[in-house]
Amino acid sequence: MSVLPLVFTSGWASGINAYAAVLLLGLFGLTGVSDEVPQTLQRPEVLIVAGVLFLCEAVADKIPYVDSAWDSVHTVVRPLAGAWVGALLAGHSGSLSDVAAGLVGGSTALASHTVKAGTRMAVNTSPEPVSNIVLSFAEDLGVAGIVTFAMFHPEAAAVVAAVLLVSGLVVLVFLLSRIRRFLRRRAQRREERRLASHLSGPPD
């Protein structure tokens, strides 16, 4: 059976939370739940690093504006993680070329990361922090649920991931005005900090 559905699903999950995706896949492989997981993802050092970074993301992801800063840094990390995991899965199964799997995993991760980052920008225009916490928990549970489902029903999980991805992109279009508002606020805050720094500087 082709590993493509698992590559696609892991790519989607990596775009939402790359460390959770790597950690879950590694644990499923290590415990013998799935034979599709390559040994690289099961190595203790990989699991430890993924676990520590997952905890860091679990905290940062629930704090308004900190979550968007974290997303900015991970614009590169998440697609690379999706490509890396996809290539490893393909190399382990031998049913798909590493390059093709890397492209699928990386591009899917980039798309789901765009949905996540854009949604967080829109949510950050709201003054209350509860929505960030609720959304973060929903994302974590979604990644855990889809990756777990993919271990037993990869094709069905890929369909669910595809529906979530398309739905997220559609929602993102309707949130563009709020995203622009967030970007304007961030630019205004940077300008205020720049002016404050300039005014507090030593006199000529």
C-alpha atoms as a PDB file:
ATOM      1  CA  MET A   1       0.000   0.000   0.000  1.00  0.00           C
ATOM      2  CA  SER A   2       1.309   3.447  -0.867  1.00  0.00           C
ATOM      3  CA  VAL A   3       2.511   5.574   2.028  1.00  0.00           C
ATOM      4  CA  LEU A   4       1.173   8.732   0.359  1.00  0.00           C
ATOM      5  CA  PRO A   5      -1.914   9.101   2.631  1.00  0.00           C
ATOM      6  CA  LEU A   6       0.295   8.976   5.733  1.00  0.00           C
ATOM      7  CA  VAL A   7       2.734  11.454   4.172  1.00  0.00           C
ATOM      8  CA  PHE A   8      -0.105  13.865   3.436  1.00  0.00           C
ATOM      9  CA  THR A   9      -1.601  13.517   6.919  1.00  0.00           C
ATOM     10  CA  SER A  10       1.750  13.914   8.663  1.00  0.00           C
ATOM     11  CA  GLY A  11       2.407  16.983   6.504  1.00  0.00           C
ATOM     12  CA  TRP A  12      -0.871  18.543   7.591  1.00  0.00           C
ATOM     13  CA  ALA A  13      -0.101  17.732  11.234  1.00  0.00           C
ATOM     14  CA  SER A  14       3.431  19.150  10.945  1.00  0.00           C
ATOM     15  CA  GLY A  15       2.046  22.456   9.712  1.00  0.00           C
ATOM     16  CA  ILE A  16      -0.110  22.716  12.831  1.00  0.00           C
ATOM     17  CA  ASN A  17       2.348  21.323  15.387  1.00  0.00           C
ATOM     18  CA  ALA A  18       5.501  19.757  13.968  1.00  0.00           C
ATOM     19  CA  TYR A  19       6.857  18.625  17.331  1.00  0.00           C
ATOM     20  CA  ALA A  20       3.636  16.846  18.289  1.00  0.00           C
ATOM     21  CA  ALA A  21       3.558  15.091  14.906  1.00  0.00           C
ATOM     22  CA  VAL A  22       7.162  13.872  15.210  1.00  0.00           C
ATOM     23  CA  LEU A  23       6.670  12.837  18.846  1.00  0.00           C
ATOM     24  CA  LEU A  24       3.482  10.888  18.150  1.00  0.00           C
ATOM     25  CA  LEU A  25       4.853   9.122  15.080  1.00  0.00           C
ATOM     26  CA  GLY A  26       8.001   8.180  16.969  1.00  0.00           C
ATOM     27  CA  LEU A  27       6.069   6.820  19.938  1.00  0.00           C
ATOM     28  CA  PHE A  28       3.714   4.830  17.700  1.00  0.00           C
ATOM     29  CA  GLY A  29       6.702   3.280  15.969  1.00  0.00           C
ATOM     30  CA  LEU A  30       8.584   2.626  19.213  1.00  0.00           C
ATOM     31  CA  THR A  31       5.609   0.888  20.844  1.00  0.00           C
ATOM     32  CA  GLY A  32       4.950  -1.262  17.784  1.00  0.00           C
ATOM     33  CA  VAL A  33       1.608   0.310  16.935  1.00  0.00           C
ATOM     34  CA  SER A  34       2.747   0.865  13.337  1.00  0.00           C
ATOM     35  CA  ASP A  35       5.439  -0.637  11.132  1.00  0.00           C
ATOM     36  CA  GLU A  36       5.306   2.394   8.805  1.00  0.00           C
ATOM     37  CA  VAL A  37       7.368   4.608  11.123  1.00  0.00           C
ATOM     38  CA  PRO A  38      11.111   4.693  10.294  1.00  0.00           C
ATOM     39  CA  GLN A  39      13.726   4.066  12.972  1.00  0.00           C
ATOM     40  CA  THR A  40      15.017   7.640  12.779  1.00  0.00           C
ATOM     41  CA  LEU A  41      11.792   8.967  14.309  1.00  0.00           C
ATOM     42  CA  GLN A  42      11.997   6.369  17.083  1.00  0.00           C
ATOM     43  CA  ARG A  43      15.459   7.359  18.308  1.00  0.00           C
ATOM     44  CA  PRO A  44      15.514   8.502  21.976  1.00  0.00           C
ATOM     45  CA  GLU A  45      17.240  11.801  21.210  1.00  0.00           C
ATOM     46  CA  VAL A  46      14.640  12.650  18.552  1.00  0.00           C
ATOM     47  CA  LEU A  47      11.784  11.856  20.939  1.00  0.00           C
ATOM     48  CA  ILE A  48      13.346  13.862  23.782  1.00  0.00           C
ATOM     49  CA  VAL A  49      13.973  16.943  21.639  1.00  0.00           C
ATOM     50  CA  ALA A  50      10.501  16.719  20.108  1.00  0.00           C
ATOM     51  CA  GLY A  51       8.958  16.330  23.562  1.00  0.00           C
ATOM     52  CA  VAL A  52      10.768  19.343  25.032  1.00  0.00           C
ATOM     53  CA  LEU A  53       9.944  21.546  22.035  1.00  0.00           C
ATOM     54  CA  PHE A  54       6.336  20.361  22.127  1.00  0.00           C
ATOM     55  CA  LEU A  55       6.079  21.567  25.737  1.00  0.00           C
ATOM     56  CA  CYS A  56       7.583  24.920  24.738  1.00  0.00           C
ATOM     57  CA  GLU A  57       5.057  25.250  21.922  1.00  0.00           C
ATOM     58  CA  ALA A  58       2.207  24.199  24.215  1.00  0.00           C
ATOM     59  CA  VAL A  59       2.961  27.239  26.386  1.00  0.00           C
ATOM     60  CA  ALA A  60       3.827  29.786  23.681  1.00  0.00           C
ATOM     61  CA  ASP A  61       0.833  28.781  21.580  1.00  0.00           C
ATOM     62  CA  LYS A  62      -1.640  29.874  24.251  1.00  0.00           C
ATOM     63  CA  ILE A  63      -0.344  33.409  24.846  1.00  0.00           C
ATOM     64  CA  PRO A  64      -1.756  36.192  22.611  1.00  0.00           C
ATOM     65  CA  TYR A  65       0.824  37.734  20.259  1.00  0.00           C
ATOM     66  CA  VAL A  66       3.506  35.334  21.542  1.00  0.00           C
ATOM     67  CA  ASP A  67       1.769  32.648  19.479  1.00  0.00           C
ATOM     68  CA  SER A  68       2.044  34.772  16.322  1.00  0.00           C
ATOM     69  CA  ALA A  69       5.738  35.455  16.997  1.00  0.00           C
ATOM     70  CA  TRP A  70       6.243  31.697  17.447  1.00  0.00           C
ATOM     71  CA  ASP A  71       4.380  31.054  14.183  1.00  0.00           C
ATOM     72  CA  SER A  72       6.628  33.545  12.354  1.00  0.00           C
ATOM     73  CA  VAL A  73       9.730  31.643  13.437  1.00  0.00           C
ATOM     74  CA  HIS A  74       8.141  28.343  12.436  1.00  0.00           C
ATOM     75  CA  THR A  75       7.203  29.456   8.935  1.00  0.00           C
ATOM     76  CA  VAL A  76      10.389  27.685   7.867  1.00  0.00           C
ATOM     77  CA  VAL A  77      10.543  24.987  10.557  1.00  0.00           C
ATOM     78  CA  ARG A  78       7.122  23.416   9.987  1.00  0.00           C
ATOM     79  CA  PRO A  79       7.350  22.931   6.193  1.00  0.00           C
ATOM     80  CA  LEU A  80      10.874  21.554   6.587  1.00  0.00           C
ATOM     81  CA  ALA A  81       9.627  19.152   9.267  1.00  0.00           C
ATOM     82  CA  GLY A  82       6.781  18.032   7.005  1.00  0.00           C
ATOM     83  CA  ALA A  83       9.198  17.445   4.137  1.00  0.00           C
ATOM     84  CA  TRP A  84      11.657  15.598   6.377  1.00  0.00           C
ATOM     85  CA  VAL A  85       9.013  13.306   7.873  1.00  0.00           C
ATOM     86  CA  GLY A  86       7.520  12.655   4.424  1.00  0.00           C
ATOM     87  CA  ALA A  87      10.888  11.707   2.966  1.00  0.00           C
ATOM     88  CA  LEU A  88      11.615   9.399   5.914  1.00  0.00           C
ATOM     89  CA  LEU A  89       8.242   7.666   5.572  1.00  0.00           C
ATOM     90  CA  ALA A  90       8.757   7.187   1.839  1.00  0.00           C
ATOM     91  CA  GLY A  91      12.289   5.876   2.283  1.00  0.00           C
ATOM     92  CA  HIS A  92      11.086   3.401   4.888  1.00  0.00           C
ATOM     93  CA  SER A  93       8.208   2.030   2.816  1.00  0.00           C
ATOM     94  CA  GLY A  94       9.851   2.139  -0.599  1.00  0.00           C
ATOM     95  CA  SER A  95       6.471   2.765  -2.275  1.00  0.00           C
ATOM     96  CA  LEU A  96       7.094   6.440  -3.081  1.00  0.00           C
ATOM     97  CA  SER A  97      10.176   8.443  -4.018  1.00  0.00           C
ATOM     98  CA  ASP A  98      11.782  10.497  -1.254  1.00  0.00           C
ATOM     99  CA  VAL A  99      11.656  13.676  -3.336  1.00  0.00           C
ATOM    100  CA  ALA A 100       7.962  13.318  -4.156  1.00  0.00           C
ATOM    101  CA  ALA A 101       7.106  12.556  -0.533  1.00  0.00           C
ATOM    102  CA  GLY A 102       9.178  15.518   0.650  1.00  0.00           C
ATOM    103  CA  LEU A 103       7.344  17.834  -1.728  1.00  0.00           C
ATOM    104  CA  VAL A 104       3.932  16.533  -0.639  1.00  0.00           C
ATOM    105  CA  GLY A 105       4.752  16.691   3.063  1.00  0.00           C
ATOM    106  CA  GLY A 106       6.430  20.095   2.867  1.00  0.00           C
ATOM    107  CA  SER A 107       3.780  21.786   0.736  1.00  0.00           C
ATOM    108  CA  THR A 108       0.955  20.374   2.857  1.00  0.00           C
ATOM    109  CA  ALA A 109       2.701  21.540   6.023  1.00  0.00           C
ATOM    110  CA  LEU A 110       3.176  25.016   4.531  1.00  0.00           C
ATOM    111  CA  ALA A 111      -0.520  25.219   3.638  1.00  0.00           C
ATOM    112  CA  SER A 112      -1.729  24.114   7.078  1.00  0.00           C
ATOM    113  CA  HIS A 113       0.823  26.404   8.763  1.00  0.00           C
ATOM    114  CA  THR A 114      -0.573  29.322   6.732  1.00  0.00           C
ATOM    115  CA  VAL A 115      -4.061  28.500   7.972  1.00  0.00           C
ATOM    116  CA  LYS A 116      -2.864  28.251  11.583  1.00  0.00           C
ATOM    117  CA  ALA A 117      -0.782  31.447  11.516  1.00  0.00           C
ATOM    118  CA  GLY A 118      -3.483  33.446   9.743  1.00  0.00           C
ATOM    119  CA  THR A 119      -6.185  32.244  12.115  1.00  0.00           C
ATOM    120  CA  ARG A 120      -4.042  33.199  15.113  1.00  0.00           C
ATOM    121  CA  MET A 121      -3.542  36.699  13.712  1.00  0.00           C
ATOM    122  CA  ALA A 122      -7.309  37.077  13.378  1.00  0.00           C
ATOM    123  CA  VAL A 123      -7.922  35.749  16.896  1.00  0.00           C
ATOM    124  CA  ASN A 124      -5.327  38.145  18.326  1.00  0.00           C
ATOM    125  CA  THR A 125      -7.482  41.109  17.307  1.00  0.00           C
ATOM    126  CA  SER A 126      -9.827  40.024  20.122  1.00  0.00           C
ATOM    127  CA  PRO A 127      -8.903  41.504  23.530  1.00  0.00           C
ATOM    128  CA  GLU A 128      -9.634  38.364  25.561  1.00  0.00           C
ATOM    129  CA  PRO A 129      -7.075  35.497  25.829  1.00  0.00           C
ATOM    130  CA  VAL A 130      -9.563  32.625  26.162  1.00  0.00           C
ATOM    131  CA  SER A 131      -9.972  32.139  22.412  1.00  0.00           C
ATOM    132  CA  ASN A 132      -6.223  31.557  22.027  1.00  0.00           C
ATOM    133  CA  ILE A 133      -6.245  28.867  24.699  1.00  0.00           C
ATOM    134  CA  VAL A 134      -9.328  27.128  23.288  1.00  0.00           C
ATOM    135  CA  LEU A 135      -7.950  27.217  19.740  1.00  0.00           C
ATOM    136  CA  SER A 136      -4.572  25.907  20.867  1.00  0.00           C
ATOM    137  CA  PHE A 137      -6.128  22.955  22.699  1.00  0.00           C
ATOM    138  CA  ALA A 138      -8.324  22.226  19.680  1.00  0.00           C
ATOM    139  CA  GLU A 139      -5.266  22.192  17.403  1.00  0.00           C
ATOM    140  CA  ASP A 140      -3.324  19.898  19.752  1.00  0.00           C
ATOM    141  CA  LEU A 141      -6.245  17.492  20.046  1.00  0.00           C
ATOM    142  CA  GLY A 142      -6.807  17.620  16.284  1.00  0.00           C
ATOM    143  CA  VAL A 143      -3.194  16.710  15.534  1.00  0.00           C
ATOM    144  CA  ALA A 144      -3.223  13.899  18.105  1.00  0.00           C
ATOM    145  CA  GLY A 145      -6.524  12.550  16.804  1.00  0.00           C
ATOM    146  CA  ILE A 146      -5.674  12.660  13.103  1.00  0.00           C
ATOM    147  CA  VAL A 147      -2.176  11.167  13.505  1.00  0.00           C
ATOM    148  CA  THR A 148      -3.568   8.384  15.704  1.00  0.00           C
ATOM    149  CA  PHE A 149      -6.378   7.732  13.224  1.00  0.00           C
ATOM    150  CA  ALA A 150      -3.798   7.611  10.405  1.00  0.00           C
ATOM    151  CA  MET A 151      -1.989   4.736  12.103  1.00  0.00           C
ATOM    152  CA  PHE A 152      -5.037   2.516  11.601  1.00  0.00           C
ATOM    153  CA  HIS A 153      -6.897   4.113   8.675  1.00  0.00           C
ATOM    154  CA  PRO A 154      -4.413   6.175   6.627  1.00  0.00           C
ATOM    155  CA  GLU A 155      -6.685   6.811   3.634  1.00  0.00           C
ATOM    156  CA  ALA A 156      -9.620   7.967   5.761  1.00  0.00           C
ATOM    157  CA  ALA A 157      -7.310  10.142   7.880  1.00  0.00           C
ATOM    158  CA  ALA A 158      -5.912  11.746   4.738  1.00  0.00           C
ATOM    159  CA  VAL A 159      -9.431  12.595   3.590  1.00  0.00           C
ATOM    160  CA  VAL A 160     -10.208  14.201   6.960  1.00  0.00           C
ATOM    161  CA  ALA A 161      -6.938  16.162   6.850  1.00  0.00           C
ATOM    162  CA  ALA A 162      -7.729  17.346   3.310  1.00  0.00           C
ATOM    163  CA  VAL A 163     -11.216  18.505   4.354  1.00  0.00           C
ATOM    164  CA  LEU A 164      -9.763  20.368   7.354  1.00  0.00           C
ATOM    165  CA  LEU A 165      -7.105  21.981   5.168  1.00  0.00           C
ATOM    166  CA  VAL A 166      -9.554  23.182   2.511  1.00  0.00           C
ATOM    167  CA  SER A 167     -12.026  24.365   5.151  1.00  0.00           C
ATOM    168  CA  GLY A 168      -9.252  26.260   6.917  1.00  0.00           C
ATOM    169  CA  LEU A 169      -8.183  27.991   3.707  1.00  0.00           C
ATOM    170  CA  VAL A 170     -11.790  29.031   3.025  1.00  0.00           C
ATOM    171  CA  VAL A 171     -12.175  30.413   6.554  1.00  0.00           C
ATOM    172  CA  LEU A 172      -8.872  32.242   6.162  1.00  0.00           C
ATOM    173  CA  VAL A 173     -10.265  34.160   3.193  1.00  0.00           C
ATOM    174  CA  PHE A 174     -13.129  35.444   5.346  1.00  0.00           C
ATOM    175  CA  LEU A 175     -10.676  36.449   8.099  1.00  0.00           C
ATOM    176  CA  LEU A 176      -8.466  38.614   5.882  1.00  0.00           C
ATOM    177  CA  SER A 177      -9.852  41.879   7.251  1.00  0.00           C
ATOM    178  CA  ARG A 178      -9.048  40.863  10.823  1.00  0.00           C
ATOM    179  CA  ILE A 179      -5.580  39.694   9.765  1.00  0.00           C
ATOM    180  CA  ARG A 180      -4.919  43.110   8.191  1.00  0.00           C
ATOM    181  CA  ARG A 181      -6.064  44.728  11.445  1.00  0.00           C
ATOM    182  CA  PHE A 182      -3.595  42.578  13.391  1.00  0.00           C
ATOM    183  CA  LEU A 183      -0.739  43.525  11.050  1.00  0.00           C
ATOM    184  CA  ARG A 184      -1.604  47.224  11.378  1.00  0.00           C
ATOM    185  CA  ARG A 185      -1.593  46.951  15.169  1.00  0.00           C
ATOM    186  CA  ARG A 186       1.757  45.189  15.154  1.00  0.00           C
ATOM    187  CA  ALA A 187       3.268  47.820  12.861  1.00  0.00           C
ATOM    188  CA  GLN A 188       1.870  50.571  15.110  1.00  0.00           C
ATOM    189  CA  ARG A 189       3.376  48.953  18.204  1.00  0.00           C
ATOM    190  CA  ARG A 190       6.763  48.698  16.536  1.00  0.00           C
ATOM    191  CA  GLU A 191       6.604  52.361  15.567  1.00  0.00           C
ATOM    192  CA  GLU A 192       5.624  53.335  19.116  1.00  0.00           C
ATOM    193  CA  ARG A 193       8.548  51.358  20.532  1.00  0.00           C
ATOM    194  CA  ARG A 194      10.904  52.946  18.024  1.00  0.00           C
ATOM    195  CA  LEU A 195       9.732  56.453  18.940  1.00  0.00           C
ATOM    196  CA  ALA A 196       9.936  55.697  22.670  1.00  0.00           C
ATOM    197  CA  SER A 197      13.480  54.390  22.246  1.00  0.00           C
ATOM    198  CA  HIS A 198      14.429  57.478  20.265  1.00  0.00           C
ATOM    199  CA  LEU A 199      12.935  59.890  22.824  1.00  0.00           C
ATOM    200  CA  SER A 200      14.587  58.113  25.771  1.00  0.00           C
ATOM    201  CA  GLY A 201      18.009  58.206  24.149  1.00  0.00           C
ATOM    202  CA  PRO A 202      20.855  60.453  25.377  1.00  0.00           C
ATOM    203  CA  PRO A 203      20.553  64.154  24.427  1.00  0.00           C
ATOM    204  CA  ASP A 204      22.809  65.492  21.697  1.00  0.00           C
END
